[in-house]
C-alpha atoms as a PDB file:
ATOM      1  CA  MET A   1     -86.701  76.336 -13.460  1.00  0.00           C
ATOM      2  CA  THR A   2     -90.419  74.600 -13.534  1.00  0.00           C
ATOM      3  CA  ARG A   3     -90.943  75.796 -16.929  1.00  0.00           C
ATOM      4  CA  HIS A   4     -87.458  73.906 -18.309  1.00  0.00           C
ATOM      5  CA  PHE A   5     -87.710  70.973 -15.925  1.00  0.00           C
ATOM      6  CA  PHE A   6     -90.835  69.100 -17.155  1.00  0.00           C
ATOM      7  CA  PRO A   7     -89.679  69.241 -20.942  1.00  0.00           C
ATOM      8  CA  SER A   8     -86.444  68.083 -19.903  1.00  0.00           C
ATOM      9  CA  LEU A   9     -87.909  65.202 -17.901  1.00  0.00           C
ATOM     10  CA  ARG A  10     -90.390  64.443 -20.941  1.00  0.00           C
ATOM     11  CA  ARG A  11     -87.552  64.177 -23.233  1.00  0.00           C
ATOM     12  CA  ARG A  12     -85.568  61.734 -21.123  1.00  0.00           C
ATOM     13  CA  ALA A  13     -88.673  59.760 -20.458  1.00  0.00           C
ATOM     14  CA  LEU A  14     -89.547  59.634 -24.412  1.00  0.00           C
ATOM     15  CA  ALA A  15     -85.964  58.543 -25.094  1.00  0.00           C
ATOM     16  CA  GLY A  16     -85.993  55.988 -22.638  1.00  0.00           C
ATOM     17  CA  LEU A  17     -88.962  54.608 -23.913  1.00  0.00           C
ATOM     18  CA  ALA A  18     -87.776  54.682 -27.607  1.00  0.00           C
ATOM     19  CA  LEU A  19     -84.835  52.752 -26.463  1.00  0.00           C
ATOM     20  CA  GLY A  20     -86.773  50.270 -24.724  1.00  0.00           C
ATOM     21  CA  LEU A  21     -88.848  49.606 -28.114  1.00  0.00           C
ATOM     22  CA  LEU A  22     -85.659  49.329 -29.777  1.00  0.00           C
ATOM     23  CA  ALA A  23     -84.423  46.743 -27.409  1.00  0.00           C
ATOM     24  CA  THR A  24     -87.349  44.678 -27.961  1.00  0.00           C
ATOM     25  CA  ALA A  25     -88.478  44.753 -31.389  1.00  0.00           C
ATOM     26  CA  PRO A  26     -86.076  42.265 -32.718  1.00  0.00           C
ATOM     27  CA  ALA A  27     -86.989  39.698 -30.193  1.00  0.00           C
ATOM     28  CA  THR A  28     -90.705  40.803 -31.012  1.00  0.00           C
ATOM     29  CA  TRP A  29     -90.465  40.608 -34.748  1.00  0.00           C
ATOM     30  CA  ALA A  30     -88.712  37.331 -34.450  1.00  0.00           C
ATOM     31  CA  ALA A  31     -91.390  35.831 -32.532  1.00  0.00           C
ATOM     32  CA  ASP A  32     -93.994  37.202 -34.815  1.00  0.00           C
ATOM     33  CA  ALA A  33     -91.704  35.797 -37.900  1.00  0.00           C
ATOM     34  CA  ALA A  34     -91.983  32.293 -36.065  1.00  0.00           C
ATOM     35  CA  ALA A  35     -95.625  32.577 -35.589  1.00  0.00           C
ATOM     36  CA  ALA A  36     -96.259  33.088 -39.214  1.00  0.00           C
ATOM     37  CA  TYR A  37     -93.742  30.424 -40.130  1.00  0.00           C
ATOM     38  CA  PRO A  38     -93.499  28.893 -42.676  1.00  0.00           C
ATOM     39  CA  SER A  39     -95.404  31.437 -44.978  1.00  0.00           C
ATOM     40  CA  LYS A  40     -94.306  29.419 -48.233  1.00  0.00           C
ATOM     41  CA  PRO A  41     -92.879  25.923 -49.120  1.00  0.00           C
ATOM     42  CA  VAL A  42     -89.849  24.949 -47.358  1.00  0.00           C
ATOM     43  CA  THR A  43     -86.951  23.452 -49.380  1.00  0.00           C
ATOM     44  CA  LEU A  44     -84.752  20.713 -47.847  1.00  0.00           C
ATOM     45  CA  VAL A  45     -81.638  20.302 -49.630  1.00  0.00           C
ATOM     46  CA  VAL A  46     -79.709  16.826 -49.823  1.00  0.00           C
ATOM     47  CA  ALA A  47     -76.378  17.390 -51.039  1.00  0.00           C
ATOM     48  CA  PHE A  48     -76.220  13.995 -52.483  1.00  0.00           C
ATOM     49  CA  ALA A  49     -78.057  12.187 -55.704  1.00  0.00           C
ATOM     50  CA  PRO A  50     -81.370  10.671 -55.271  1.00  0.00           C
ATOM     51  CA  GLY A  51     -81.677   7.028 -53.798  1.00  0.00           C
ATOM     52  CA  GLY A  52     -79.213   6.950 -50.842  1.00  0.00           C
ATOM     53  CA  PRO A  53     -79.973   6.629 -47.357  1.00  0.00           C
ATOM     54  CA  ASN A  54     -79.954  10.341 -46.661  1.00  0.00           C
ATOM     55  CA  ASP A  55     -82.630  10.887 -49.545  1.00  0.00           C
ATOM     56  CA  VAL A  56     -84.829   8.281 -48.278  1.00  0.00           C
ATOM     57  CA  MET A  57     -84.823   9.735 -44.856  1.00  0.00           C
ATOM     58  CA  ALA A  58     -85.101  13.247 -45.954  1.00  0.00           C
ATOM     59  CA  ARG A  59     -88.113  12.566 -47.766  1.00  0.00           C
ATOM     60  CA  LEU A  60     -89.455  10.546 -44.876  1.00  0.00           C
ATOM     61  CA  LEU A  61     -89.020  13.757 -42.649  1.00  0.00           C
ATOM     62  CA  ALA A  62     -90.445  15.886 -45.395  1.00  0.00           C
ATOM     63  CA  ALA A  63     -93.502  14.386 -45.789  1.00  0.00           C
ATOM     64  CA  LYS A  64     -94.349  14.772 -42.077  1.00  0.00           C
ATOM     65  CA  LEU A  65     -93.089  18.148 -41.946  1.00  0.00           C
ATOM     66  CA  SER A  66     -95.540  19.075 -44.691  1.00  0.00           C
ATOM     67  CA  THR A  67     -98.418  18.120 -42.860  1.00  0.00           C
ATOM     68  CA  GLN A  68     -97.467  19.329 -39.549  1.00  0.00           C
ATOM     69  CA  LEU A  69     -96.327  22.762 -40.683  1.00  0.00           C
ATOM     70  CA  GLY A  70     -99.333  23.406 -43.255  1.00  0.00           C
ATOM     71  CA  GLN A  71     -96.844  24.098 -45.989  1.00  0.00           C
ATOM     72  CA  GLN A  72     -95.096  21.899 -48.517  1.00  0.00           C
ATOM     73  CA  VAL A  73     -91.617  20.609 -47.567  1.00  0.00           C
ATOM     74  CA  LEU A  74     -89.873  19.858 -50.748  1.00  0.00           C
ATOM     75  CA  VAL A  75     -86.740  17.609 -51.012  1.00  0.00           C
ATOM     76  CA  GLU A  76     -84.053  19.180 -53.566  1.00  0.00           C
ATOM     77  CA  ASN A  77     -81.015  16.887 -54.428  1.00  0.00           C
ATOM     78  CA  ARG A  78     -77.943  19.143 -55.247  1.00  0.00           C
ATOM     79  CA  PRO A  79     -75.096  16.716 -55.461  1.00  0.00           C
ATOM     80  CA  GLY A  80     -71.589  17.196 -56.494  1.00  0.00           C
ATOM     81  CA  ALA A  81     -67.940  18.073 -54.983  1.00  0.00           C
ATOM     82  CA  GLY A  82     -68.424  16.000 -51.886  1.00  0.00           C
ATOM     83  CA  GLY A  83     -71.791  17.468 -50.813  1.00  0.00           C
ATOM     84  CA  THR A  84     -70.138  20.953 -50.829  1.00  0.00           C
ATOM     85  CA  ILE A  85     -72.117  22.343 -53.623  1.00  0.00           C
ATOM     86  CA  GLY A  86     -75.466  21.722 -52.167  1.00  0.00           C
ATOM     87  CA  THR A  87     -74.170  22.838 -48.510  1.00  0.00           C
ATOM     88  CA  ALA A  88     -72.861  26.337 -50.202  1.00  0.00           C
ATOM     89  CA  ALA A  89     -76.438  27.074 -51.571  1.00  0.00           C
ATOM     90  CA  VAL A  90     -77.900  26.876 -48.131  1.00  0.00           C
ATOM     91  CA  ALA A  91     -75.211  28.824 -46.682  1.00  0.00           C
ATOM     92  CA  LYS A  92     -76.027  31.563 -49.002  1.00  0.00           C
ATOM     93  CA  ALA A  93     -79.881  31.014 -48.718  1.00  0.00           C
ATOM     94  CA  ALA A  94     -82.226  33.706 -46.828  1.00  0.00           C
ATOM     95  CA  ALA A  95     -82.070  32.821 -43.175  1.00  0.00           C
ATOM     96  CA  ASP A  96     -85.776  32.741 -42.792  1.00  0.00           C
ATOM     97  CA  GLY A  97     -86.181  29.133 -42.298  1.00  0.00           C
ATOM     98  CA  HIS A  98     -87.449  28.293 -45.738  1.00  0.00           C
ATOM     99  CA  THR A  99     -84.332  26.810 -47.028  1.00  0.00           C
ATOM    100  CA  LEU A 100     -82.580  23.626 -44.764  1.00  0.00           C
ATOM    101  CA  LEU A 101     -79.887  21.450 -45.001  1.00  0.00           C
ATOM    102  CA  PHE A 102     -80.176  17.780 -44.625  1.00  0.00           C
ATOM    103  CA  ASN A 103     -76.465  17.035 -43.455  1.00  0.00           C
ATOM    104  CA  SER A 104     -74.494  14.037 -42.628  1.00  0.00           C
ATOM    105  CA  ALA A 105     -70.556  13.137 -42.481  1.00  0.00           C
ATOM    106  CA  PRO A 106     -69.587  15.178 -45.326  1.00  0.00           C
ATOM    107  CA  PHE A 107     -70.610  18.255 -43.788  1.00  0.00           C
ATOM    108  CA  VAL A 108     -68.108  17.833 -41.116  1.00  0.00           C
ATOM    109  CA  THR A 109     -65.337  16.713 -43.302  1.00  0.00           C
ATOM    110  CA  ALA A 110     -65.595  19.631 -45.698  1.00  0.00           C
ATOM    111  CA  PRO A 111     -63.164  21.874 -43.545  1.00  0.00           C
ATOM    112  CA  ALA A 112     -60.333  19.430 -43.542  1.00  0.00           C
ATOM    113  CA  LEU A 113     -60.978  18.348 -47.258  1.00  0.00           C
ATOM    114  CA  TYR A 114     -61.408  21.574 -48.951  1.00  0.00           C
ATOM    115  CA  GLY A 115     -59.867  24.227 -46.659  1.00  0.00           C
ATOM    116  CA  SER A 116     -59.789  27.710 -47.872  1.00  0.00           C
ATOM    117  CA  LYS A 117     -61.348  26.554 -51.071  1.00  0.00           C
ATOM    118  CA  LEU A 118     -64.831  26.532 -49.206  1.00  0.00           C
ATOM    119  CA  SER A 119     -67.283  29.215 -49.743  1.00  0.00           C
ATOM    120  CA  PHE A 120     -68.800  28.657 -46.347  1.00  0.00           C
ATOM    121  CA  ASP A 121     -67.706  27.997 -43.014  1.00  0.00           C
ATOM    122  CA  THR A 122     -69.188  24.755 -41.539  1.00  0.00           C
ATOM    123  CA  LEU A 123     -69.294  26.102 -37.742  1.00  0.00           C
ATOM    124  CA  LYS A 124     -69.945  29.593 -38.548  1.00  0.00           C
ATOM    125  CA  ASP A 125     -72.320  29.728 -41.242  1.00  0.00           C
ATOM    126  CA  PHE A 126     -74.807  27.392 -39.826  1.00  0.00           C
ATOM    127  CA  ALA A 127     -77.238  26.888 -37.027  1.00  0.00           C
ATOM    128  CA  GLY A 128     -78.002  23.136 -35.715  1.00  0.00           C
ATOM    129  CA  ILE A 129     -81.406  22.130 -35.381  1.00  0.00           C
ATOM    130  CA  THR A 130     -80.981  18.633 -34.206  1.00  0.00           C
ATOM    131  CA  LYS A 131     -79.794  15.300 -35.217  1.00  0.00           C
ATOM    132  CA  VAL A 132     -82.639  13.141 -36.818  1.00  0.00           C
ATOM    133  CA  ALA A 133     -81.425   9.510 -37.235  1.00  0.00           C
ATOM    134  CA  GLU A 134     -78.484   7.070 -36.680  1.00  0.00           C
ATOM    135  CA  SER A 135     -77.825   3.943 -38.679  1.00  0.00           C
ATOM    136  CA  PRO A 136     -75.034   1.214 -37.904  1.00  0.00           C
ATOM    137  CA  ILE A 137     -72.303   0.672 -40.257  1.00  0.00           C
ATOM    138  CA  VAL A 138     -72.185  -2.642 -42.043  1.00  0.00           C
ATOM    139  CA  ALA A 139     -69.228  -4.118 -44.276  1.00  0.00           C
ATOM    140  CA  MET A 140     -70.897  -5.835 -47.163  1.00  0.00           C
ATOM    141  CA  VAL A 141     -69.334  -7.973 -50.230  1.00  0.00           C
ATOM    142  CA  PRO A 142     -71.118  -9.408 -53.399  1.00  0.00           C
ATOM    143  CA  ALA A 143     -73.218 -12.396 -52.548  1.00  0.00           C
ATOM    144  CA  GLY A 144     -71.314 -15.451 -53.512  1.00  0.00           C
ATOM    145  CA  GLY A 145     -67.770 -13.529 -53.618  1.00  0.00           C
ATOM    146  CA  ALA A 146     -64.718 -14.718 -52.826  1.00  0.00           C
ATOM    147  CA  HIS A 147     -64.298 -13.147 -49.181  1.00  0.00           C
ATOM    148  CA  LYS A 148     -66.216 -15.189 -46.427  1.00  0.00           C
ATOM    149  CA  SER A 149     -65.181 -13.094 -43.395  1.00  0.00           C
ATOM    150  CA  LEU A 150     -63.887  -9.597 -42.694  1.00  0.00           C
ATOM    151  CA  PRO A 151     -60.611 -11.032 -41.185  1.00  0.00           C
ATOM    152  CA  ALA A 152     -60.091 -13.040 -44.622  1.00  0.00           C
ATOM    153  CA  LEU A 153     -60.855  -9.737 -46.699  1.00  0.00           C
ATOM    154  CA  LEU A 154     -58.185  -7.832 -44.485  1.00  0.00           C
ATOM    155  CA  ALA A 155     -55.642 -10.525 -44.955  1.00  0.00           C
ATOM    156  CA  ALA A 156     -56.045 -10.343 -48.463  1.00  0.00           C
ATOM    157  CA  ALA A 157     -55.896  -6.511 -48.510  1.00  0.00           C
ATOM    158  CA  LYS A 158     -52.898  -6.852 -46.529  1.00  0.00           C
ATOM    159  CA  ALA A 159     -51.029  -9.503 -48.658  1.00  0.00           C
ATOM    160  CA  GLN A 160     -51.823  -7.382 -51.900  1.00  0.00           C
ATOM    161  CA  PRO A 161     -52.159  -3.627 -51.277  1.00  0.00           C
ATOM    162  CA  ASN A 162     -54.473  -1.751 -53.601  1.00  0.00           C
ATOM    163  CA  ARG A 163     -55.670  -5.285 -54.806  1.00  0.00           C
ATOM    164  CA  ILE A 164     -59.046  -5.052 -52.792  1.00  0.00           C
ATOM    165  CA  ASN A 165     -61.416  -2.552 -54.216  1.00  0.00           C
ATOM    166  CA  PHE A 166     -64.071  -0.544 -52.203  1.00  0.00           C
ATOM    167  CA  GLY A 167     -66.548   1.325 -53.309  1.00  0.00           C
ATOM    168  CA  SER A 168     -68.343   4.685 -52.019  1.00  0.00           C
ATOM    169  CA  GLY A 169     -71.144   7.172 -52.464  1.00  0.00           C
ATOM    170  CA  GLY A 170     -68.625   9.854 -53.373  1.00  0.00           C
ATOM    171  CA  ALA A 171     -65.357  11.500 -51.881  1.00  0.00           C
ATOM    172  CA  ALA A 172     -65.654  12.106 -48.313  1.00  0.00           C
ATOM    173  CA  SER A 173     -69.266  10.279 -48.074  1.00  0.00           C
ATOM    174  CA  THR A 174     -69.982   8.225 -44.971  1.00  0.00           C
ATOM    175  CA  SER A 175     -69.209   4.892 -47.205  1.00  0.00           C
ATOM    176  CA  HIS A 176     -65.754   6.474 -48.049  1.00  0.00           C
ATOM    177  CA  LEU A 177     -64.604   7.589 -44.450  1.00  0.00           C
ATOM    178  CA  ALA A 178     -66.060   4.672 -43.065  1.00  0.00           C
ATOM    179  CA  SER A 179     -63.684   2.469 -45.352  1.00  0.00           C
ATOM    180  CA  ALA A 180     -61.025   4.964 -44.682  1.00  0.00           C
ATOM    181  CA  LEU A 181     -61.161   4.360 -40.928  1.00  0.00           C
ATOM    182  CA  LEU A 182     -61.358   0.378 -41.815  1.00  0.00           C
ATOM    183  CA  GLU A 183     -57.981   0.910 -43.500  1.00  0.00           C
ATOM    184  CA  VAL A 184     -56.278   2.688 -40.847  1.00  0.00           C
ATOM    185  CA  GLN A 185     -57.535   0.541 -38.157  1.00  0.00           C
ATOM    186  CA  ALA A 186     -56.477  -2.541 -39.813  1.00  0.00           C
ATOM    187  CA  GLY A 187     -53.359  -1.312 -41.397  1.00  0.00           C
ATOM    188  CA  VAL A 188     -54.326  -2.173 -45.039  1.00  0.00           C
ATOM    189  CA  GLN A 189     -54.521  -0.171 -48.315  1.00  0.00           C
ATOM    190  CA  MET A 190     -57.406  -0.681 -50.636  1.00  0.00           C
ATOM    191  CA  GLN A 191     -58.299   1.272 -53.858  1.00  0.00           C
ATOM    192  CA  HIS A 192     -61.198   3.703 -53.730  1.00  0.00           C
ATOM    193  CA  VAL A 193     -64.066   3.564 -56.482  1.00  0.00           C
ATOM    194  CA  PRO A 194     -66.362   6.493 -55.935  1.00  0.00           C
ATOM    195  CA  TYR A 195     -69.583   6.642 -57.432  1.00  0.00           C
ATOM    196  CA  LYS A 196     -72.107   9.402 -57.948  1.00  0.00           C
ATOM    197  CA  GLY A 197     -74.271   8.401 -54.630  1.00  0.00           C
ATOM    198  CA  GLY A 198     -75.044   5.548 -52.508  1.00  0.00           C
ATOM    199  CA  GLY A 199     -77.365   3.721 -54.829  1.00  0.00           C
ATOM    200  CA  GLN A 200     -74.939   3.485 -57.575  1.00  0.00           C
ATOM    201  CA  ALA A 201     -72.384   2.058 -55.386  1.00  0.00           C
ATOM    202  CA  ILE A 202     -74.775  -0.916 -53.714  1.00  0.00           C
ATOM    203  CA  THR A 203     -75.517  -1.492 -57.485  1.00  0.00           C
ATOM    204  CA  ALA A 204     -71.959  -1.818 -58.199  1.00  0.00           C
ATOM    205  CA  LEU A 205     -71.530  -3.926 -55.476  1.00  0.00           C
ATOM    206  CA  MET A 206     -74.128  -6.311 -56.567  1.00  0.00           C
ATOM    207  CA  GLY A 207     -72.632  -6.542 -60.179  1.00  0.00           C
ATOM    208  CA  GLY A 208     -69.411  -7.396 -58.728  1.00  0.00           C
ATOM    209  CA  GLU A 209     -67.657  -4.157 -59.914  1.00  0.00           C
ATOM    210  CA  ILE A 210     -66.181  -3.673 -56.625  1.00  0.00           C
ATOM    211  CA  ASP A 211     -65.155  -5.996 -53.729  1.00  0.00           C
ATOM    212  CA  LEU A 212     -66.199  -3.904 -50.787  1.00  0.00           C
ATOM    213  CA  LEU A 213     -68.674  -1.181 -49.565  1.00  0.00           C
ATOM    214  CA  VAL A 214     -68.905  -0.077 -45.828  1.00  0.00           C
ATOM    215  CA  ASP A 215     -72.066   1.952 -45.422  1.00  0.00           C
ATOM    216  CA  SER A 216     -74.940   2.110 -43.401  1.00  0.00           C
ATOM    217  CA  ILE A 217     -77.247  -0.744 -43.002  1.00  0.00           C
ATOM    218  CA  ALA A 218     -80.098   1.798 -44.182  1.00  0.00           C
ATOM    219  CA  ALA A 219     -78.405   1.850 -47.637  1.00  0.00           C
ATOM    220  CA  GLY A 220     -77.632  -1.868 -47.917  1.00  0.00           C
ATOM    221  CA  GLY A 221     -80.692  -3.471 -45.745  1.00  0.00           C
ATOM    222  CA  PRO A 222     -83.119  -4.455 -48.790  1.00  0.00           C
ATOM    223  CA  PHE A 223     -80.235  -6.074 -50.530  1.00  0.00           C
ATOM    224  CA  LEU A 224     -79.045  -7.960 -47.512  1.00  0.00           C
ATOM    225  CA  GLN A 225     -82.431  -9.297 -46.731  1.00  0.00           C
ATOM    226  CA  SER A 226     -82.842 -10.471 -50.456  1.00  0.00           C
ATOM    227  CA  GLY A 227     -79.248 -12.319 -50.302  1.00  0.00           C
ATOM    228  CA  ARG A 228     -77.919  -9.907 -53.317  1.00  0.00           C
ATOM    229  CA  VAL A 229     -75.113  -8.624 -51.099  1.00  0.00           C
ATOM    230  CA  LYS A 230     -73.432 -10.419 -47.842  1.00  0.00           C
ATOM    231  CA  ALA A 231     -72.623  -8.740 -44.687  1.00  0.00           C
ATOM    232  CA  LEU A 232     -69.183  -9.544 -43.131  1.00  0.00           C
ATOM    233  CA  ALA A 233     -69.383  -7.331 -40.093  1.00  0.00           C
ATOM    234  CA  VAL A 234     -71.665  -4.637 -38.450  1.00  0.00           C
ATOM    235  CA  SER A 235     -70.771  -1.748 -35.846  1.00  0.00           C
ATOM    236  CA  GLY A 236     -72.221  -1.390 -32.629  1.00  0.00           C
ATOM    237  CA  ALA A 237     -71.534  -3.208 -29.209  1.00  0.00           C
ATOM    238  CA  LYS A 238     -73.733  -6.190 -29.882  1.00  0.00           C
ATOM    239  CA  ARG A 239     -75.053  -7.882 -33.262  1.00  0.00           C
ATOM    240  CA  LEU A 240     -77.876  -6.765 -34.602  1.00  0.00           C
ATOM    241  CA  ALA A 241     -81.373  -8.495 -34.199  1.00  0.00           C
ATOM    242  CA  ARG A 242     -81.993  -8.405 -37.900  1.00  0.00           C
ATOM    243  CA  LEU A 243     -78.434  -9.695 -38.489  1.00  0.00           C
ATOM    244  CA  PRO A 244     -77.965 -12.246 -35.782  1.00  0.00           C
ATOM    245  CA  ASP A 245     -75.344 -14.335 -37.531  1.00  0.00           C
ATOM    246  CA  VAL A 246     -73.293 -11.343 -38.656  1.00  0.00           C
ATOM    247  CA  PRO A 247     -70.552 -10.623 -36.163  1.00  0.00           C
ATOM    248  CA  THR A 248     -69.734  -7.076 -34.736  1.00  0.00           C
ATOM    249  CA  PHE A 249     -66.387  -5.288 -35.846  1.00  0.00           C
ATOM    250  CA  ALA A 250     -65.130  -5.992 -32.642  1.00  0.00           C
ATOM    251  CA  GLU A 251     -65.860  -9.819 -32.781  1.00  0.00           C
ATOM    252  CA  ALA A 252     -64.352  -9.603 -36.318  1.00  0.00           C
ATOM    253  CA  GLY A 253     -60.809  -8.406 -34.634  1.00  0.00           C
ATOM    254  CA  LEU A 254     -61.396  -4.288 -34.597  1.00  0.00           C
ATOM    255  CA  PRO A 255     -62.509  -3.565 -31.258  1.00  0.00           C
ATOM    256  CA  ASP A 256     -61.858   0.168 -31.759  1.00  0.00           C
ATOM    257  CA  TYR A 257     -64.205   0.519 -35.139  1.00  0.00           C
ATOM    258  CA  GLN A 258     -67.165   2.534 -33.406  1.00  0.00           C
ATOM    259  CA  LEU A 259     -68.903   4.439 -36.184  1.00  0.00           C
ATOM    260  CA  VAL A 260     -72.916   5.130 -37.094  1.00  0.00           C
ATOM    261  CA  HIS A 261     -74.267   7.055 -40.121  1.00  0.00           C
ATOM    262  CA  TRP A 262     -76.061   9.818 -38.744  1.00  0.00           C
ATOM    263  CA  VAL A 263     -78.186  12.474 -40.527  1.00  0.00           C
ATOM    264  CA  GLY A 264     -79.312  15.924 -38.990  1.00  0.00           C
ATOM    265  CA  LEU A 265     -80.720  19.042 -39.824  1.00  0.00           C
ATOM    266  CA  SER A 266     -79.416  22.676 -39.832  1.00  0.00           C
ATOM    267  CA  ALA A 267     -80.406  26.176 -41.020  1.00  0.00           C
ATOM    268  CA  PRO A 268     -78.347  29.311 -42.186  1.00  0.00           C
ATOM    269  CA  ALA A 269     -76.720  30.676 -39.238  1.00  0.00           C
ATOM    270  CA  LYS A 270     -78.636  33.799 -38.769  1.00  0.00           C
ATOM    271  CA  THR A 271     -82.069  31.954 -38.886  1.00  0.00           C
ATOM    272  CA  PRO A 272     -84.230  33.469 -36.074  1.00  0.00           C
ATOM    273  CA  ALA A 273     -83.983  31.556 -32.802  1.00  0.00           C
ATOM    274  CA  PRO A 274     -87.629  31.015 -32.492  1.00  0.00           C
ATOM    275  CA  ILE A 275     -87.980  29.608 -36.025  1.00  0.00           C
ATOM    276  CA  LEU A 276     -85.037  27.320 -35.210  1.00  0.00           C
ATOM    277  CA  ASP A 277     -87.019  26.440 -31.980  1.00  0.00           C
ATOM    278  CA  LYS A 278     -90.160  25.754 -33.740  1.00  0.00           C
ATOM    279  CA  LEU A 279     -88.549  23.502 -36.332  1.00  0.00           C
ATOM    280  CA  HIS A 280     -86.837  21.671 -33.606  1.00  0.00           C
ATOM    281  CA  ARG A 281     -90.155  21.074 -31.968  1.00  0.00           C
ATOM    282  CA  GLU A 282     -91.628  19.920 -35.267  1.00  0.00           C
ATOM    283  CA  VAL A 283     -88.807  17.415 -36.041  1.00  0.00           C
ATOM    284  CA  LEU A 284     -89.178  15.972 -32.592  1.00  0.00           C
ATOM    285  CA  ARG A 285     -92.693  15.527 -32.909  1.00  0.00           C
ATOM    286  CA  ALA A 286     -92.284  13.852 -36.523  1.00  0.00           C
ATOM    287  CA  LEU A 287     -89.587  11.520 -35.003  1.00  0.00           C
ATOM    288  CA  ALA A 288     -92.076  10.552 -32.128  1.00  0.00           C
ATOM    289  CA  ALA A 289     -94.667   9.377 -34.559  1.00  0.00           C
ATOM    290  CA  ASP A 290     -95.348   5.750 -34.831  1.00  0.00           C
ATOM    291  CA  ASP A 291     -95.108   5.536 -38.768  1.00  0.00           C
ATOM    292  CA  VAL A 292     -91.783   7.396 -39.138  1.00  0.00           C
ATOM    293  CA  LYS A 293     -90.281   5.136 -36.327  1.00  0.00           C
ATOM    294  CA  ALA A 294     -91.463   2.103 -38.131  1.00  0.00           C
ATOM    295  CA  ARG A 295     -90.281   3.219 -41.314  1.00  0.00           C
ATOM    296  CA  LEU A 296     -87.024   4.009 -39.912  1.00  0.00           C
ATOM    297  CA  ALA A 297     -86.652   0.787 -38.371  1.00  0.00           C
ATOM    298  CA  GLU A 298     -87.700  -0.767 -41.766  1.00  0.00           C
ATOM    299  CA  ILE A 299     -84.425   0.689 -43.136  1.00  0.00           C
ATOM    300  CA  GLY A 300     -82.237   0.056 -40.261  1.00  0.00           C
ATOM    301  CA  ALA A 301     -82.051   3.474 -38.427  1.00  0.00           C
ATOM    302  CA  GLU A 302     -83.753   5.098 -35.387  1.00  0.00           C
ATOM    303  CA  PRO A 303     -84.741   8.360 -34.301  1.00  0.00           C
ATOM    304  CA  ALA A 304     -81.753  10.247 -32.563  1.00  0.00           C
ATOM    305  CA  PRO A 305     -82.860  13.621 -31.757  1.00  0.00           C
ATOM    306  CA  GLN A 306     -80.756  16.125 -29.621  1.00  0.00           C
ATOM    307  CA  PRO A 307     -81.146  19.526 -28.090  1.00  0.00           C
ATOM    308  CA  ARG A 308     -79.971  22.054 -30.453  1.00  0.00           C
ATOM    309  CA  ALA A 309     -76.921  23.084 -28.300  1.00  0.00           C
ATOM    310  CA  GLN A 310     -76.078  19.447 -28.156  1.00  0.00           C
ATOM    311  CA  PHE A 311     -76.214  18.960 -31.668  1.00  0.00           C
ATOM    312  CA  ASP A 312     -74.029  22.026 -32.394  1.00  0.00           C
ATOM    313  CA  GLN A 313     -71.607  20.467 -29.772  1.00  0.00           C
ATOM    314  CA  PHE A 314     -71.577  17.231 -31.766  1.00  0.00           C
ATOM    315  CA  LEU A 315     -71.085  18.967 -35.066  1.00  0.00           C
ATOM    316  CA  HIS A 316     -67.946  20.687 -33.318  1.00  0.00           C
ATOM    317  CA  ALA A 317     -66.501  17.258 -32.162  1.00  0.00           C
ATOM    318  CA  GLU A 318     -66.847  15.590 -35.384  1.00  0.00           C
ATOM    319  CA  VAL A 319     -65.232  18.317 -37.445  1.00  0.00           C
ATOM    320  CA  ALA A 320     -62.277  17.767 -35.182  1.00  0.00           C
ATOM    321  CA  ARG A 321     -62.344  13.937 -35.191  1.00  0.00           C
ATOM    322  CA  TRP A 322     -62.800  13.592 -39.095  1.00  0.00           C
ATOM    323  CA  GLY A 323     -60.422  16.189 -39.741  1.00  0.00           C
ATOM    324  CA  GLN A 324     -57.686  13.986 -37.701  1.00  0.00           C
ATOM    325  CA  LEU A 325     -58.652  10.882 -39.665  1.00  0.00           C
ATOM    326  CA  ILE A 326     -58.420  12.655 -42.765  1.00  0.00           C
ATOM    327  CA  ARG A 327     -55.023  14.146 -42.350  1.00  0.00           C
ATOM    328  CA  LYS A 328     -53.989  10.700 -40.968  1.00  0.00           C
ATOM    329  CA  ALA A 329     -55.367   8.590 -44.068  1.00  0.00           C
ATOM    330  CA  GLN A 330     -54.478  11.409 -46.596  1.00  0.00           C
ATOM    331  CA  ILE A 331     -57.968  11.726 -47.983  1.00  0.00           C
ATOM    332  CA  GLN A 332     -58.096  13.973 -51.111  1.00  0.00           C
ATOM    333  CA  PRO A 333     -61.457  14.848 -52.545  1.00  0.00           C
ATOM    334  CA  ASP A 334     -62.179  13.849 -56.143  1.00  0.00           C
END
């Protein structure tokens, strides 16, 4: 019996050791991967054209992260199809933290807009890293235009449905959704004129091609300051210090109009948690830097970081919220 007992015991011990190694190896490999990350340049995909507020904030963050991570963080603009082209590219990318998505409202509206046509699942194919920044929404008209106040513009829209044209940076962009929410809450119908990015939309507003643009102050700030466009209302509970004469939407007769432009950072879903945690820490470190906060303030935005779990909860809630509006407003992708 002695001759058979010890080999049997030895086999069981070795088997247990092997199982233990297998159980801990993935965590060890993930930790090692995080320590070595990034091992090459990181691509930060912006699913819209250059020049808009998303692009500006993405480049600001990328420059800071390049220094902190010791590898270049490159912004890649992949516009088209309401942001779904760039988003799909990141969903299919290797889950190693070297391809990230700089996302905003179109990320959470895609399920309601495109349904089964999407090649990705917004909530299953991505892991949230953090919300990055927020910016108030402002209703803008051409300087010297006919509409001097938001109530006057909405009265004109109510008197002549689809006569007022509002622009946007594309179907389901923040500016499109902000205007759709305005239509629903004010009970008016306006004509949507989509452009290929926020930069083109603000140029069209200055040129008088459209009557209204509802977008973030990050998009319109420089043109408001120069007097080339005029603000009629801003979102938020109180007036902005930089626009003290501009009423809030509540003061203009729309107390339920609560909206901000947000941007965030996500990665492919199977990216190892230690890499996501490292990215989260580095983004928060970047947002805490005085020069980043100052630059965000210049364009009318402010840091709005969240824990990873809280950002994922936010994305789930936004999918539900905007899905309801899209169905009610019958918004269709271009």
